[in-house]
């Protein structure tokens, strides 16, 4: 059974999120569902929440690797859900 959620966010964030989702070929609803599934699977936030540290620099290669890992996990989840 589907349900609706309503919450507030900054309009600039919403606009940018909508643009990024469109570039990825998905809706914002799909993006939130991906997050919700990852949240449930991780039993909490699916990413580390920490204070920014100026000494830690994330390289483009690290970001791409993280994105690949996340997309791989989502693909496996959706494959299992489709079965």
C-alpha atoms as a PDB file:
ATOM      1  CA  UNK A   1       0.000   0.000   0.000  1.00  0.00           C
ATOM      2  CA  UNK A   2       1.372   3.406  -0.950  1.00  0.00           C
ATOM      3  CA  UNK A   3       1.309   6.384   1.369  1.00  0.00           C
ATOM      4  CA  UNK A   4       2.128  10.074   1.051  1.00  0.00           C
ATOM      5  CA  UNK A   5       4.585  12.156   3.064  1.00  0.00           C
ATOM      6  CA  UNK A   6       4.754  15.925   3.250  1.00  0.00           C
ATOM      7  CA  UNK A   7       7.702  17.926   4.534  1.00  0.00           C
ATOM      8  CA  UNK A   8       9.370  21.277   4.024  1.00  0.00           C
ATOM      9  CA  UNK A   9      12.673  22.044   2.361  1.00  0.00           C
ATOM     10  CA  UNK A  10      14.433  25.108   1.024  1.00  0.00           C
ATOM     11  CA  UNK A  11      13.117  26.019  -2.443  1.00  0.00           C
ATOM     12  CA  UNK A  12      16.626  26.311  -3.901  1.00  0.00           C
ATOM     13  CA  UNK A  13      17.472  22.824  -2.634  1.00  0.00           C
ATOM     14  CA  UNK A  14      14.253  21.451  -4.123  1.00  0.00           C
ATOM     15  CA  UNK A  15      14.967  23.095  -7.481  1.00  0.00           C
ATOM     16  CA  UNK A  16      18.523  21.763  -7.594  1.00  0.00           C
ATOM     17  CA  UNK A  17      17.408  18.298  -6.493  1.00  0.00           C
ATOM     18  CA  UNK A  18      14.755  18.229  -9.218  1.00  0.00           C
ATOM     19  CA  UNK A  19      17.360  19.227 -11.819  1.00  0.00           C
ATOM     20  CA  UNK A  20      19.815  16.550 -10.681  1.00  0.00           C
ATOM     21  CA  UNK A  21      17.117  13.876 -10.568  1.00  0.00           C
ATOM     22  CA  UNK A  22      16.065  14.785 -14.120  1.00  0.00           C
ATOM     23  CA  UNK A  23      19.670  14.403 -15.272  1.00  0.00           C
ATOM     24  CA  UNK A  24      19.729  10.977 -13.609  1.00  0.00           C
ATOM     25  CA  UNK A  25      16.461  10.016 -15.300  1.00  0.00           C
ATOM     26  CA  UNK A  26      14.409   9.797 -12.115  1.00  0.00           C
ATOM     27  CA  UNK A  27      11.858  11.812 -10.182  1.00  0.00           C
ATOM     28  CA  UNK A  28      12.401  13.304  -6.756  1.00  0.00           C
ATOM     29  CA  UNK A  29       9.896  10.755  -5.465  1.00  0.00           C
ATOM     30  CA  UNK A  30      12.142   7.964  -6.766  1.00  0.00           C
ATOM     31  CA  UNK A  31      15.169   9.586  -5.109  1.00  0.00           C
ATOM     32  CA  UNK A  32      13.367   9.793  -1.768  1.00  0.00           C
ATOM     33  CA  UNK A  33      12.243   6.172  -2.100  1.00  0.00           C
ATOM     34  CA  UNK A  34      15.836   5.118  -2.784  1.00  0.00           C
ATOM     35  CA  UNK A  35      16.912   7.009   0.338  1.00  0.00           C
ATOM     36  CA  UNK A  36      14.085   5.491   2.400  1.00  0.00           C
ATOM     37  CA  UNK A  37      14.988   1.958   1.297  1.00  0.00           C
ATOM     38  CA  UNK A  38      18.674   2.578   2.071  1.00  0.00           C
ATOM     39  CA  UNK A  39      17.682   4.043   5.462  1.00  0.00           C
ATOM     40  CA  UNK A  40      15.646   0.942   6.319  1.00  0.00           C
ATOM     41  CA  UNK A  41      18.358  -1.419   5.044  1.00  0.00           C
ATOM     42  CA  UNK A  42      21.020   0.397   7.107  1.00  0.00           C
ATOM     43  CA  UNK A  43      18.679   0.661  10.118  1.00  0.00           C
ATOM     44  CA  UNK A  44      19.526   4.365  10.219  1.00  0.00           C
ATOM     45  CA  UNK A  45      21.283   6.909   8.076  1.00  0.00           C
ATOM     46  CA  UNK A  46      22.834   5.222   5.033  1.00  0.00           C
ATOM     47  CA  UNK A  47      25.852   7.517   5.258  1.00  0.00           C
ATOM     48  CA  UNK A  48      28.083   8.858   7.988  1.00  0.00           C
ATOM     49  CA  UNK A  49      26.953  12.006   9.748  1.00  0.00           C
ATOM     50  CA  UNK A  50      29.891  13.888  11.123  1.00  0.00           C
ATOM     51  CA  UNK A  51      31.357  17.323  11.532  1.00  0.00           C
ATOM     52  CA  UNK A  52      33.249  18.656   8.545  1.00  0.00           C
ATOM     53  CA  UNK A  53      36.960  18.368   8.937  1.00  0.00           C
ATOM     54  CA  UNK A  54      39.056  20.737   6.829  1.00  0.00           C
ATOM     55  CA  UNK A  55      41.906  18.230   6.803  1.00  0.00           C
ATOM     56  CA  UNK A  56      39.885  15.536   5.030  1.00  0.00           C
ATOM     57  CA  UNK A  57      39.626  16.009   1.297  1.00  0.00           C
ATOM     58  CA  UNK A  58      37.507  13.666  -0.767  1.00  0.00           C
ATOM     59  CA  UNK A  59      38.855  13.066  -4.241  1.00  0.00           C
ATOM     60  CA  UNK A  60      36.721  12.747  -7.354  1.00  0.00           C
ATOM     61  CA  UNK A  61      37.800   9.108  -7.624  1.00  0.00           C
ATOM     62  CA  UNK A  62      36.563   8.434  -4.063  1.00  0.00           C
ATOM     63  CA  UNK A  63      33.214  10.099  -4.804  1.00  0.00           C
ATOM     64  CA  UNK A  64      32.775   8.084  -8.002  1.00  0.00           C
ATOM     65  CA  UNK A  65      33.708   4.875  -6.197  1.00  0.00           C
ATOM     66  CA  UNK A  66      31.190   5.623  -3.428  1.00  0.00           C
ATOM     67  CA  UNK A  67      28.502   6.385  -6.023  1.00  0.00           C
ATOM     68  CA  UNK A  68      29.241   3.096  -7.808  1.00  0.00           C
ATOM     69  CA  UNK A  69      28.936   1.187  -4.523  1.00  0.00           C
ATOM     70  CA  UNK A  70      25.625   2.862  -3.678  1.00  0.00           C
ATOM     71  CA  UNK A  71      24.188   2.270  -7.153  1.00  0.00           C
ATOM     72  CA  UNK A  72      25.307  -1.358  -7.033  1.00  0.00           C
ATOM     73  CA  UNK A  73      23.531  -1.837  -3.692  1.00  0.00           C
ATOM     74  CA  UNK A  74      20.363  -0.206  -5.045  1.00  0.00           C
ATOM     75  CA  UNK A  75      20.474  -2.334  -8.195  1.00  0.00           C
ATOM     76  CA  UNK A  76      20.704  -5.488  -6.096  1.00  0.00           C
ATOM     77  CA  UNK A  77      17.792  -4.331  -3.899  1.00  0.00           C
ATOM     78  CA  UNK A  78      15.594  -3.537  -6.887  1.00  0.00           C
ATOM     79  CA  UNK A  79      16.480  -6.868  -8.513  1.00  0.00           C
ATOM     80  CA  UNK A  80      15.412  -8.682  -5.329  1.00  0.00           C
ATOM     81  CA  UNK A  81      12.202  -6.623  -5.161  1.00  0.00           C
ATOM     82  CA  UNK A  82      11.407  -7.495  -8.801  1.00  0.00           C
ATOM     83  CA  UNK A  83      11.685 -11.235  -8.134  1.00  0.00           C
END
